[in-house]
C-alpha atoms as a PDB file:
ATOM      1  CA  MET A   1     -74.755 -76.003 168.544  1.00  0.00           C
ATOM      2  CA  HIS A   2     -75.393 -75.614 172.266  1.00  0.00           C
ATOM      3  CA  ALA A   3     -71.823 -74.434 172.884  1.00  0.00           C
ATOM      4  CA  SER A   4     -72.530 -70.948 171.568  1.00  0.00           C
ATOM      5  CA  LYS A   5     -75.239 -70.525 174.194  1.00  0.00           C
ATOM      6  CA  GLU A   6     -73.276 -71.804 177.169  1.00  0.00           C
ATOM      7  CA  ILE A   7     -73.040 -69.783 180.355  1.00  0.00           C
ATOM      8  CA  ARG A   8     -69.259 -69.585 180.330  1.00  0.00           C
ATOM      9  CA  GLY A   9     -67.291 -69.541 183.564  1.00  0.00           C
ATOM     10  CA  GLU A  10     -70.182 -71.077 185.505  1.00  0.00           C
ATOM     11  CA  PRO A  11     -68.875 -73.642 188.054  1.00  0.00           C
ATOM     12  CA  ASP A  12     -72.154 -75.595 187.966  1.00  0.00           C
ATOM     13  CA  ARG A  13     -71.523 -77.888 185.000  1.00  0.00           C
ATOM     14  CA  VAL A  14     -75.238 -78.234 184.224  1.00  0.00           C
ATOM     15  CA  ARG A  15     -75.786 -74.472 184.139  1.00  0.00           C
ATOM     16  CA  ARG A  16     -72.657 -74.188 182.020  1.00  0.00           C
ATOM     17  CA  HIS A  17     -74.420 -76.261 179.351  1.00  0.00           C
ATOM     18  CA  THR A  18     -77.796 -74.579 179.766  1.00  0.00           C
ATOM     19  CA  SER A  19     -78.926 -71.987 177.251  1.00  0.00           C
ATOM     20  CA  SER A  20     -79.159 -68.457 178.607  1.00  0.00           C
ATOM     21  CA  GLU A  21     -82.904 -68.461 177.854  1.00  0.00           C
ATOM     22  CA  SER A  22     -83.560 -71.608 179.905  1.00  0.00           C
ATOM     23  CA  ALA A  23     -81.312 -70.432 182.745  1.00  0.00           C
ATOM     24  CA  GLU A  24     -83.085 -67.080 182.945  1.00  0.00           C
ATOM     25  CA  LYS A  25     -86.478 -68.787 182.935  1.00  0.00           C
ATOM     26  CA  ILE A  26     -85.388 -71.014 185.836  1.00  0.00           C
ATOM     27  CA  ASP A  27     -83.895 -68.073 187.758  1.00  0.00           C
ATOM     28  CA  SER A  28     -87.018 -65.968 187.213  1.00  0.00           C
ATOM     29  CA  ARG A  29     -89.161 -68.753 188.595  1.00  0.00           C
ATOM     30  CA  THR A  30     -86.887 -69.000 191.653  1.00  0.00           C
ATOM     31  CA  ARG A  31     -87.114 -65.248 192.317  1.00  0.00           C
ATOM     32  CA  LYS A  32     -90.884 -65.348 191.864  1.00  0.00           C
ATOM     33  CA  ASN A  33     -91.215 -68.220 194.351  1.00  0.00           C
ATOM     34  CA  ILE A  34     -89.065 -66.453 196.948  1.00  0.00           C
ATOM     35  CA  ARG A  35     -91.050 -63.210 196.723  1.00  0.00           C
ATOM     36  CA  GLU A  36     -94.372 -65.053 196.757  1.00  0.00           C
ATOM     37  CA  TYR A  37     -93.632 -67.151 199.851  1.00  0.00           C
ATOM     38  CA  ALA A  38     -92.029 -64.203 201.640  1.00  0.00           C
ATOM     39  CA  GLY A  39     -95.515 -62.701 201.709  1.00  0.00           C
ATOM     40  CA  HIS A  40     -96.911 -65.858 203.328  1.00  0.00           C
ATOM     41  CA  PRO A  41     -94.476 -66.677 206.162  1.00  0.00           C
ATOM     42  CA  ASP A  42     -96.746 -69.373 207.573  1.00  0.00           C
ATOM     43  CA  GLU A  43     -96.291 -71.332 204.319  1.00  0.00           C
ATOM     44  CA  ILE A  44     -92.487 -71.116 204.178  1.00  0.00           C
ATOM     45  CA  GLY A  45     -91.992 -74.263 206.258  1.00  0.00           C
ATOM     46  CA  GLY A  46     -94.078 -76.326 203.881  1.00  0.00           C
ATOM     47  CA  ARG A  47     -92.281 -74.839 200.898  1.00  0.00           C
ATOM     48  CA  ILE A  48     -88.853 -75.665 202.339  1.00  0.00           C
ATOM     49  CA  GLY A  49     -89.990 -79.235 202.944  1.00  0.00           C
ATOM     50  CA  HIS A  50     -91.134 -79.436 199.327  1.00  0.00           C
ATOM     51  CA  LEU A  51     -87.781 -78.084 198.102  1.00  0.00           C
ATOM     52  CA  GLU A  52     -85.897 -80.684 200.127  1.00  0.00           C
ATOM     53  CA  ARG A  53     -87.845 -83.391 198.284  1.00  0.00           C
ATOM     54  CA  GLU A  54     -87.768 -81.809 194.805  1.00  0.00           C
ATOM     55  CA  TRP A  55     -86.167 -84.011 192.154  1.00  0.00           C
ATOM     56  CA  ASP A  56     -83.148 -82.274 190.642  1.00  0.00           C
ATOM     57  CA  VAL A  57     -81.551 -82.744 187.220  1.00  0.00           C
ATOM     58  CA  GLU A  58     -79.144 -85.438 188.414  1.00  0.00           C
ATOM     59  CA  ARG A  59     -81.859 -87.584 189.937  1.00  0.00           C
ATOM     60  CA  THR A  60     -84.153 -87.184 186.932  1.00  0.00           C
ATOM     61  CA  LEU A  61     -81.384 -88.074 184.480  1.00  0.00           C
ATOM     62  CA  GLU A  62     -80.329 -91.057 186.579  1.00  0.00           C
ATOM     63  CA  ALA A  63     -83.867 -92.447 186.665  1.00  0.00           C
ATOM     64  CA  ASN A  64     -84.386 -91.979 182.924  1.00  0.00           C
ATOM     65  CA  ALA A  65     -80.948 -93.280 181.919  1.00  0.00           C
ATOM     66  CA  SER A  66     -81.073 -96.349 184.169  1.00  0.00           C
ATOM     67  CA  THR A  67     -84.574 -97.271 182.977  1.00  0.00           C
ATOM     68  CA  LEU A  68     -83.678 -96.980 179.297  1.00  0.00           C
ATOM     69  CA  ALA A  69     -80.306 -98.709 179.673  1.00  0.00           C
ATOM     70  CA  LEU A  70     -81.829-101.484 181.787  1.00  0.00           C
ATOM     71  CA  PHE A  71     -84.454-102.107 179.113  1.00  0.00           C
ATOM     72  CA  GLY A  72     -81.729-102.376 176.470  1.00  0.00           C
ATOM     73  CA  ALA A  73     -79.661-104.722 178.644  1.00  0.00           C
ATOM     74  CA  ALA A  74     -82.626-106.985 179.375  1.00  0.00           C
ATOM     75  CA  MET A  75     -83.564-107.157 175.699  1.00  0.00           C
ATOM     76  CA  GLY A  76     -79.923-107.775 174.795  1.00  0.00           C
ATOM     77  CA  THR A  77     -79.670-110.603 177.311  1.00  0.00           C
ATOM     78  CA  PHE A  78     -82.901-112.383 176.397  1.00  0.00           C
ATOM     79  CA  VAL A  79     -83.723-111.355 172.816  1.00  0.00           C
ATOM     80  CA  SER A  80     -80.880-109.997 170.666  1.00  0.00           C
ATOM     81  CA  LYS A  81     -77.397-108.694 171.389  1.00  0.00           C
ATOM     82  CA  LYS A  82     -78.140-105.723 169.141  1.00  0.00           C
ATOM     83  CA  TRP A  83     -80.139-104.210 172.005  1.00  0.00           C
ATOM     84  CA  PHE A  84     -76.891-103.685 173.887  1.00  0.00           C
ATOM     85  CA  LEU A  85     -76.237-100.821 171.467  1.00  0.00           C
ATOM     86  CA  LEU A  86     -79.018 -98.938 173.235  1.00  0.00           C
ATOM     87  CA  THR A  87     -77.451 -99.652 176.614  1.00  0.00           C
ATOM     88  CA  GLY A  88     -74.016 -98.598 175.363  1.00  0.00           C
ATOM     89  CA  GLY A  89     -75.301 -95.356 173.904  1.00  0.00           C
ATOM     90  CA  VAL A  90     -77.197 -94.366 177.046  1.00  0.00           C
ATOM     91  CA  LEU A  91     -74.307 -95.214 179.375  1.00  0.00           C
ATOM     92  CA  GLY A  92     -71.851 -93.380 177.133  1.00  0.00           C
ATOM     93  CA  PHE A  93     -73.919 -90.229 177.402  1.00  0.00           C
ATOM     94  CA  LEU A  94     -74.282 -90.748 181.171  1.00  0.00           C
ATOM     95  CA  PHE A  95     -70.487 -90.899 181.451  1.00  0.00           C
ATOM     96  CA  GLN A  96     -70.213 -87.724 179.374  1.00  0.00           C
ATOM     97  CA  HIS A  97     -72.743 -85.966 181.590  1.00  0.00           C
ATOM     98  CA  ALA A  98     -70.897 -86.961 184.768  1.00  0.00           C
ATOM     99  CA  VAL A  99     -67.656 -85.525 183.424  1.00  0.00           C
ATOM    100  CA  SER A 100     -68.768 -82.466 181.455  1.00  0.00           C
ATOM    101  CA  GLY A 101     -72.393 -81.761 182.405  1.00  0.00           C
ATOM    102  CA  TRP A 102     -74.056 -82.304 179.034  1.00  0.00           C
ATOM    103  CA  CYS A 103     -76.103 -85.127 177.531  1.00  0.00           C
ATOM    104  CA  PRO A 104     -78.876 -85.151 174.877  1.00  0.00           C
ATOM    105  CA  PRO A 105     -81.885 -85.014 177.261  1.00  0.00           C
ATOM    106  CA  LEU A 106     -80.465 -82.067 179.230  1.00  0.00           C
ATOM    107  CA  PRO A 107     -81.748 -79.212 177.013  1.00  0.00           C
ATOM    108  CA  VAL A 108     -85.264 -80.671 177.143  1.00  0.00           C
ATOM    109  CA  LEU A 109     -85.195 -81.084 180.925  1.00  0.00           C
ATOM    110  CA  ARG A 110     -83.903 -77.554 181.382  1.00  0.00           C
ATOM    111  CA  LYS A 111     -86.609 -76.128 179.140  1.00  0.00           C
ATOM    112  CA  LEU A 112     -89.097 -77.980 181.315  1.00  0.00           C
ATOM    113  CA  GLY A 113     -87.631 -76.167 184.337  1.00  0.00           C
ATOM    114  CA  VAL A 114     -85.882 -79.083 186.054  1.00  0.00           C
ATOM    115  CA  ARG A 115     -83.322 -77.498 188.390  1.00  0.00           C
ATOM    116  CA  THR A 116     -79.945 -78.468 189.756  1.00  0.00           C
ATOM    117  CA  ARG A 117     -79.694 -79.088 193.483  1.00  0.00           C
ATOM    118  CA  SER A 118     -77.709 -75.860 193.871  1.00  0.00           C
ATOM    119  CA  GLU A 119     -80.499 -73.917 192.151  1.00  0.00           C
ATOM    120  CA  ILE A 120     -83.043 -75.505 194.473  1.00  0.00           C
ATOM    121  CA  ASP A 121     -80.860 -74.665 197.472  1.00  0.00           C
ATOM    122  CA  ARG A 122     -80.736 -71.002 196.419  1.00  0.00           C
ATOM    123  CA  GLU A 123     -84.466 -70.787 196.964  1.00  0.00           C
ATOM    124  CA  LYS A 124     -84.285 -72.865 200.130  1.00  0.00           C
ATOM    125  CA  TYR A 125     -81.654 -70.731 201.876  1.00  0.00           C
ATOM    126  CA  ALA A 126     -83.231 -67.473 200.745  1.00  0.00           C
ATOM    127  CA  LEU A 127     -86.489 -68.570 202.383  1.00  0.00           C
ATOM    128  CA  LYS A 128     -84.658 -69.703 205.518  1.00  0.00           C
ATOM    129  CA  ALA A 129     -83.000 -66.277 205.729  1.00  0.00           C
ATOM    130  CA  ILE A 130     -86.305 -64.441 205.234  1.00  0.00           C
ATOM    131  CA  ARG A 131     -88.006 -66.582 207.877  1.00  0.00           C
ATOM    132  CA  GLY A 132     -85.230 -65.771 210.338  1.00  0.00           C
ATOM    133  CA  ASP A 133     -83.545 -69.184 210.557  1.00  0.00           C
ATOM    134  CA  LEU A 134     -80.128 -67.634 209.939  1.00  0.00           C
ATOM    135  CA  ASP A 135     -80.539 -64.804 212.476  1.00  0.00           C
ATOM    136  CA  ALA A 136     -78.941 -67.019 215.127  1.00  0.00           C
ATOM    137  CA  ALA A 137     -75.721 -66.829 213.072  1.00  0.00           C
ATOM    138  CA  LYS A 138     -75.354 -63.047 213.520  1.00  0.00           C
ATOM    139  CA  THR A 139     -72.466 -63.653 215.904  1.00  0.00           C
ATOM    140  CA  LYS A 140     -70.671 -65.533 213.100  1.00  0.00           C
ATOM    141  CA  GLU A 141     -69.567 -68.230 215.486  1.00  0.00           C
ATOM    142  CA  PRO A 142     -69.007 -71.521 213.599  1.00  0.00           C
ATOM    143  CA  ASP A 143     -71.254 -73.596 215.880  1.00  0.00           C
ATOM    144  CA  SER A 144     -74.193 -71.181 215.711  1.00  0.00           C
ATOM    145  CA  THR A 145     -73.693 -70.850 211.958  1.00  0.00           C
ATOM    146  CA  LEU A 146     -73.813 -74.615 211.475  1.00  0.00           C
ATOM    147  CA  ALA A 147     -76.985 -74.811 213.551  1.00  0.00           C
ATOM    148  CA  ALA A 148     -78.513 -72.012 211.490  1.00  0.00           C
ATOM    149  CA  VAL A 149     -77.978 -73.770 208.147  1.00  0.00           C
ATOM    150  CA  ALA A 150     -79.056 -77.186 209.427  1.00  0.00           C
ATOM    151  CA  PRO A 151     -82.151 -78.616 207.720  1.00  0.00           C
ATOM    152  CA  SER A 152     -85.039 -77.052 209.637  1.00  0.00           C
ATOM    153  CA  GLU A 153     -87.481 -79.630 208.273  1.00  0.00           C
ATOM    154  CA  SER A 154     -85.299 -82.527 209.449  1.00  0.00           C
ATOM    155  CA  ALA A 155     -86.668 -86.048 209.611  1.00  0.00           C
ATOM    156  CA  GLU A 156     -85.723 -86.645 213.232  1.00  0.00           C
ATOM    157  CA  ARG A 157     -87.463 -83.532 214.511  1.00  0.00           C
ATOM    158  CA  GLU A 158     -90.666 -84.015 212.525  1.00  0.00           C
ATOM    159  CA  GLY A 159     -90.856 -87.786 212.367  1.00  0.00           C
ATOM    160  CA  ARG A 160     -90.402 -87.904 208.585  1.00  0.00           C
ATOM    161  CA  ARG A 161     -87.901 -89.710 206.426  1.00  0.00           C
ATOM    162  CA  GLU A 162     -84.597 -87.958 205.742  1.00  0.00           C
ATOM    163  CA  PRO A 163     -85.266 -85.958 202.538  1.00  0.00           C
ATOM    164  CA  ASP A 164     -81.649 -86.221 201.341  1.00  0.00           C
ATOM    165  CA  ARG A 165     -81.722 -89.756 199.923  1.00  0.00           C
ATOM    166  CA  VAL A 166     -77.927 -90.114 200.181  1.00  0.00           C
ATOM    167  CA  ARG A 167     -77.933 -89.241 203.898  1.00  0.00           C
ATOM    168  CA  ARG A 168     -80.882 -91.600 204.320  1.00  0.00           C
ATOM    169  CA  TYR A 169     -78.621 -94.563 203.545  1.00  0.00           C
ATOM    170  CA  THR A 170     -75.552 -93.314 205.395  1.00  0.00           C
ATOM    171  CA  SER A 171     -74.727 -94.718 208.824  1.00  0.00           C
ATOM    172  CA  ARG A 172     -75.104 -92.442 211.839  1.00  0.00           C
ATOM    173  CA  GLU A 173     -71.393 -92.796 212.553  1.00  0.00           C
ATOM    174  CA  GLN A 174     -70.468 -91.647 209.068  1.00  0.00           C
ATOM    175  CA  LEU A 175     -72.945 -88.775 209.155  1.00  0.00           C
ATOM    176  CA  LYS A 176     -71.423 -87.644 212.448  1.00  0.00           C
ATOM    177  CA  LYS A 177     -67.929 -87.778 210.953  1.00  0.00           C
ATOM    178  CA  LEU A 178     -68.954 -85.812 207.846  1.00  0.00           C
ATOM    179  CA  ASP A 179     -70.674 -83.147 209.946  1.00  0.00           C
ATOM    180  CA  GLU A 180     -67.758 -82.908 212.372  1.00  0.00           C
ATOM    181  CA  ASP A 181     -65.315 -82.495 209.484  1.00  0.00           C
ATOM    182  CA  MET A 182     -67.466 -79.648 208.156  1.00  0.00           C
ATOM    183  CA  ALA A 183     -67.559 -77.997 211.572  1.00  0.00           C
ATOM    184  CA  ARG A 184     -63.772 -78.248 211.837  1.00  0.00           C
ATOM    185  CA  ARG A 185     -63.304 -76.555 208.460  1.00  0.00           C
ATOM    186  CA  LEU A 186     -65.718 -73.781 209.402  1.00  0.00           C
ATOM    187  CA  ARG A 187     -63.773 -73.076 212.578  1.00  0.00           C
ATOM    188  CA  ILE A 188     -60.634 -72.710 210.483  1.00  0.00           C
ATOM    189  CA  TYR A 189     -62.210 -70.374 207.929  1.00  0.00           C
ATOM    190  CA  ALA A 190     -64.116 -68.332 210.527  1.00  0.00           C
ATOM    191  CA  GLY A 191     -60.955 -66.432 211.351  1.00  0.00           C
ATOM    192  CA  GLN A 192     -59.807 -65.987 207.756  1.00  0.00           C
ATOM    193  CA  PRO A 193     -60.191 -62.911 205.515  1.00  0.00           C
ATOM    194  CA  GLY A 194     -63.013 -62.756 202.990  1.00  0.00           C
ATOM    195  CA  GLU A 195     -60.719 -63.531 200.064  1.00  0.00           C
ATOM    196  CA  LEU A 196     -59.814 -66.937 201.474  1.00  0.00           C
ATOM    197  CA  ILE A 197     -63.459 -67.707 202.249  1.00  0.00           C
ATOM    198  CA  SER A 198     -64.389 -66.755 198.670  1.00  0.00           C
ATOM    199  CA  ALA A 199     -61.692 -69.055 197.310  1.00  0.00           C
ATOM    200  CA  ARG A 200     -63.025 -71.893 199.461  1.00  0.00           C
ATOM    201  CA  ILE A 201     -66.574 -71.303 198.233  1.00  0.00           C
ATOM    202  CA  GLU A 202     -65.411 -71.506 194.608  1.00  0.00           C
ATOM    203  CA  GLU A 203     -63.590 -74.733 195.443  1.00  0.00           C
ATOM    204  CA  LEU A 204     -66.755 -76.185 196.978  1.00  0.00           C
ATOM    205  CA  ARG A 205     -68.821 -75.231 193.941  1.00  0.00           C
ATOM    206  CA  ARG A 206     -66.511 -77.388 191.844  1.00  0.00           C
ATOM    207  CA  GLU A 207     -66.377 -80.289 194.308  1.00  0.00           C
ATOM    208  CA  TRP A 208     -67.576 -83.551 192.819  1.00  0.00           C
ATOM    209  CA  SER A 209     -70.637 -84.878 194.594  1.00  0.00           C
ATOM    210  CA  VAL A 210     -71.295 -88.536 195.299  1.00  0.00           C
ATOM    211  CA  GLU A 211     -73.787 -88.482 192.388  1.00  0.00           C
ATOM    212  CA  ARG A 212     -71.060 -87.724 189.856  1.00  0.00           C
ATOM    213  CA  TYR A 213     -68.869 -90.533 191.123  1.00  0.00           C
ATOM    214  CA  LEU A 214     -71.786 -92.969 191.079  1.00  0.00           C
ATOM    215  CA  GLN A 215     -72.667 -91.966 187.516  1.00  0.00           C
ATOM    216  CA  ILE A 216     -69.118 -92.592 186.322  1.00  0.00           C
ATOM    217  CA  ASN A 217     -68.924 -95.864 188.244  1.00  0.00           C
ATOM    218  CA  VAL A 218     -72.207 -97.194 186.841  1.00  0.00           C
ATOM    219  CA  ALA A 219     -71.450 -96.041 183.290  1.00  0.00           C
ATOM    220  CA  ALA A 220     -67.968 -97.588 183.259  1.00  0.00           C
ATOM    221  CA  VAL A 221     -69.005-100.926 184.789  1.00  0.00           C
ATOM    222  CA  GLY A 222     -72.146-101.090 182.665  1.00  0.00           C
ATOM    223  CA  LEU A 223     -70.231-100.443 179.441  1.00  0.00           C
ATOM    224  CA  ALA A 224     -67.627-103.071 180.365  1.00  0.00           C
ATOM    225  CA  THR A 225     -70.160-105.802 181.186  1.00  0.00           C
ATOM    226  CA  ALA A 226     -72.271-104.958 178.132  1.00  0.00           C
ATOM    227  CA  ALA A 227     -69.186-105.246 175.927  1.00  0.00           C
ATOM    228  CA  LEU A 228     -68.388-108.628 177.472  1.00  0.00           C
ATOM    229  CA  ALA A 229     -71.977-109.735 176.871  1.00  0.00           C
ATOM    230  CA  VAL A 230     -71.673-108.850 173.186  1.00  0.00           C
ATOM    231  CA  THR A 231     -68.169-110.210 172.562  1.00  0.00           C
ATOM    232  CA  ARG A 232     -67.903-113.119 175.002  1.00  0.00           C
ATOM    233  CA  ASP A 233     -70.919-114.512 176.800  1.00  0.00           C
ATOM    234  CA  ARG A 234     -74.405-113.069 176.852  1.00  0.00           C
ATOM    235  CA  ARG A 235     -74.689-114.007 180.516  1.00  0.00           C
ATOM    236  CA  TRP A 236     -72.589-110.939 181.307  1.00  0.00           C
ATOM    237  CA  GLY A 237     -75.813-109.085 180.563  1.00  0.00           C
ATOM    238  CA  PHE A 238     -77.125-110.204 183.946  1.00  0.00           C
ATOM    239  CA  ALA A 239     -74.338-108.197 185.600  1.00  0.00           C
ATOM    240  CA  THR A 240     -75.283-105.184 183.491  1.00  0.00           C
ATOM    241  CA  CYS A 241     -78.925-105.534 184.494  1.00  0.00           C
ATOM    242  CA  ALA A 242     -78.031-105.889 188.173  1.00  0.00           C
ATOM    243  CA  GLY A 243     -75.866-102.761 188.160  1.00  0.00           C
ATOM    244  CA  LEU A 244     -78.505-100.724 186.361  1.00  0.00           C
ATOM    245  CA  GLY A 245     -81.241-102.046 188.623  1.00  0.00           C
ATOM    246  CA  PHE A 246     -79.356-100.843 191.686  1.00  0.00           C
ATOM    247  CA  PHE A 247     -78.720 -97.504 189.997  1.00  0.00           C
ATOM    248  CA  LEU A 248     -82.434 -97.093 189.307  1.00  0.00           C
ATOM    249  CA  PHE A 249     -83.133 -97.917 192.959  1.00  0.00           C
ATOM    250  CA  HIS A 250     -80.610 -95.261 193.964  1.00  0.00           C
ATOM    251  CA  ALA A 251     -82.296 -92.660 191.751  1.00  0.00           C
ATOM    252  CA  VAL A 252     -85.660 -93.371 193.320  1.00  0.00           C
ATOM    253  CA  GLU A 253     -84.770 -94.350 196.866  1.00  0.00           C
ATOM    254  CA  GLY A 254     -81.108 -93.568 197.542  1.00  0.00           C
ATOM    255  CA  PHE A 255     -79.144 -96.801 197.945  1.00  0.00           C
ATOM    256  CA  ASP A 256     -76.537 -98.301 195.639  1.00  0.00           C
ATOM    257  CA  PRO A 257     -73.910-100.918 196.701  1.00  0.00           C
ATOM    258  CA  PRO A 258     -70.896 -98.581 196.151  1.00  0.00           C
ATOM    259  CA  LEU A 259     -72.503 -95.851 198.269  1.00  0.00           C
ATOM    260  CA  PRO A 260     -71.234 -96.961 201.720  1.00  0.00           C
ATOM    261  CA  LEU A 261     -67.631 -97.079 200.459  1.00  0.00           C
ATOM    262  CA  MET A 262     -67.961 -93.680 198.830  1.00  0.00           C
ATOM    263  CA  ARG A 263     -69.362 -92.193 202.011  1.00  0.00           C
ATOM    264  CA  LYS A 264     -66.519 -93.678 204.046  1.00  0.00           C
ATOM    265  CA  ALA A 265     -64.160 -91.999 201.586  1.00  0.00           C
ATOM    266  CA  GLY A 266     -65.805 -88.671 202.513  1.00  0.00           C
ATOM    267  CA  LEU A 267     -67.796 -88.065 199.321  1.00  0.00           C
ATOM    268  CA  ARG A 268     -70.754 -85.781 199.977  1.00  0.00           C
ATOM    269  CA  SER A 269     -74.135 -85.118 198.461  1.00  0.00           C
ATOM    270  CA  ARG A 270     -74.588 -81.797 196.669  1.00  0.00           C
ATOM    271  CA  GLU A 271     -76.914 -80.693 199.454  1.00  0.00           C
ATOM    272  CA  GLU A 272     -74.198 -81.294 202.067  1.00  0.00           C
ATOM    273  CA  ILE A 273     -71.698 -79.322 199.980  1.00  0.00           C
ATOM    274  CA  ASP A 274     -74.187 -76.471 199.602  1.00  0.00           C
ATOM    275  CA  ARG A 275     -74.718 -76.453 203.349  1.00  0.00           C
ATOM    276  CA  GLU A 276     -71.029 -75.668 203.844  1.00  0.00           C
ATOM    277  CA  ILE A 277     -71.175 -73.026 201.111  1.00  0.00           C
ATOM    278  CA  TYR A 278     -74.013 -71.156 202.812  1.00  0.00           C
ATOM    279  CA  ALA A 279     -72.369 -71.449 206.215  1.00  0.00           C
ATOM    280  CA  LEU A 280     -69.287 -69.794 204.716  1.00  0.00           C
ATOM    281  CA  LYS A 281     -71.472 -67.135 203.098  1.00  0.00           C
ATOM    282  CA  VAL A 282     -72.861 -66.310 206.528  1.00  0.00           C
ATOM    283  CA  LEU A 283     -69.346 -66.071 207.965  1.00  0.00           C
ATOM    284  CA  ARG A 284     -68.279 -63.863 205.053  1.00  0.00           C
ATOM    285  CA  GLY A 285     -71.130 -61.482 205.782  1.00  0.00           C
ATOM    286  CA  ASP A 286     -73.320 -62.133 202.740  1.00  0.00           C
ATOM    287  CA  PHE A 287     -76.455 -62.220 204.915  1.00  0.00           C
ATOM    288  CA  ASP A 288     -75.643 -59.207 207.093  1.00  0.00           C
ATOM    289  CA  LEU A 289     -78.148 -56.986 205.267  1.00  0.00           C
ATOM    290  CA  VAL A 290     -80.841 -59.596 205.883  1.00  0.00           C
ATOM    291  CA  PHE A 291     -80.022 -59.595 209.607  1.00  0.00           C
ATOM    292  CA  ASP A 292     -80.030 -55.789 209.830  1.00  0.00           C
ATOM    293  CA  CYS A 293     -83.216 -55.136 207.854  1.00  0.00           C
ATOM    294  CA  ASP A 294     -86.485 -54.815 209.757  1.00  0.00           C
ATOM    295  CA  HIS A 295     -88.987 -54.573 206.915  1.00  0.00           C
ATOM    296  CA  GLU A 296     -90.095 -57.454 204.721  1.00  0.00           C
ATOM    297  CA  ALA A 297     -89.293 -56.013 201.301  1.00  0.00           C
ATOM    298  CA  GLY A 298     -85.754 -55.199 202.345  1.00  0.00           C
ATOM    299  CA  ARG A 299     -85.150 -58.669 203.789  1.00  0.00           C
ATOM    300  CA  VAL A 300     -86.432 -60.259 200.592  1.00  0.00           C
ATOM    301  CA  GLU A 301     -84.142 -58.267 198.318  1.00  0.00           C
ATOM    302  CA  ALA A 302     -81.181 -58.763 200.658  1.00  0.00           C
ATOM    303  CA  ALA A 303     -81.828 -62.514 200.737  1.00  0.00           C
ATOM    304  CA  LEU A 304     -82.048 -62.642 196.933  1.00  0.00           C
ATOM    305  CA  ALA A 305     -78.696 -60.884 196.676  1.00  0.00           C
ATOM    306  CA  ALA A 306     -77.096 -63.122 199.315  1.00  0.00           C
ATOM    307  CA  VAL A 307     -77.966 -66.355 197.504  1.00  0.00           C
ATOM    308  CA  GLY A 308     -77.162 -64.951 194.071  1.00  0.00           C
ATOM    309  CA  ALA A 309     -80.704 -65.196 192.770  1.00  0.00           C
END
């Protein structure tokens, strides 16, 4: 039923399976927030900090799915194997969501206004542009552009915890490597025509984040151990519970045992991918009207256009 209301051609798999009504409601709220905070520049910093900590659809689904599946696995291990049907159903839908972007709770969450990380980042980078954070990138030099899109409310500078929970549990060496790789790519694309930059942006929009890989990993391992618990030995349920417990911890806090290996393999959080997207947008000239406009209303509308809001 939901297929007839899909936003076709949308690279964001969650938006692709969001009804046009829910998507417009979310986008309207984003535009309203941007215009409202543009009129209160002293509050933009606090708003950006709030956006960096906002729970997105992936995190909300992960917390709900892991809690429900963990309950089923615990009941299946200690009470009746029939409870593993609950675990299997939840993990099956989690696997489907990781691959395609749809699962049964998604329409409800979207109606409630829960946003994807890319939707949150639209508001974040529009506010950064309005505040003047991106003005340093006028020269369109890769290094100044990277500095301009860096998290302005960073943990190190303000003594807070890293808001990106994936980066929070990534070693400093690996973070340095990921950031250096991004800088190298920006230097390559800085001298390329707009068409190539646009193609790269579309590629980044479709890049699988570390969340998607973790979802598939947890769903596959959880389904396998749950099946073994039902068909072989119920003690396999302990492995299911352990995996789901770690996944719940990841949803809330950020760590999961496979995470270090995935980060070494170069898998990035959606926020890191979006950072490269907006750096490329600056290099392509999407924010030029924001840089050139002196009055507030013009900067706001230019920023809205630049982030696609």
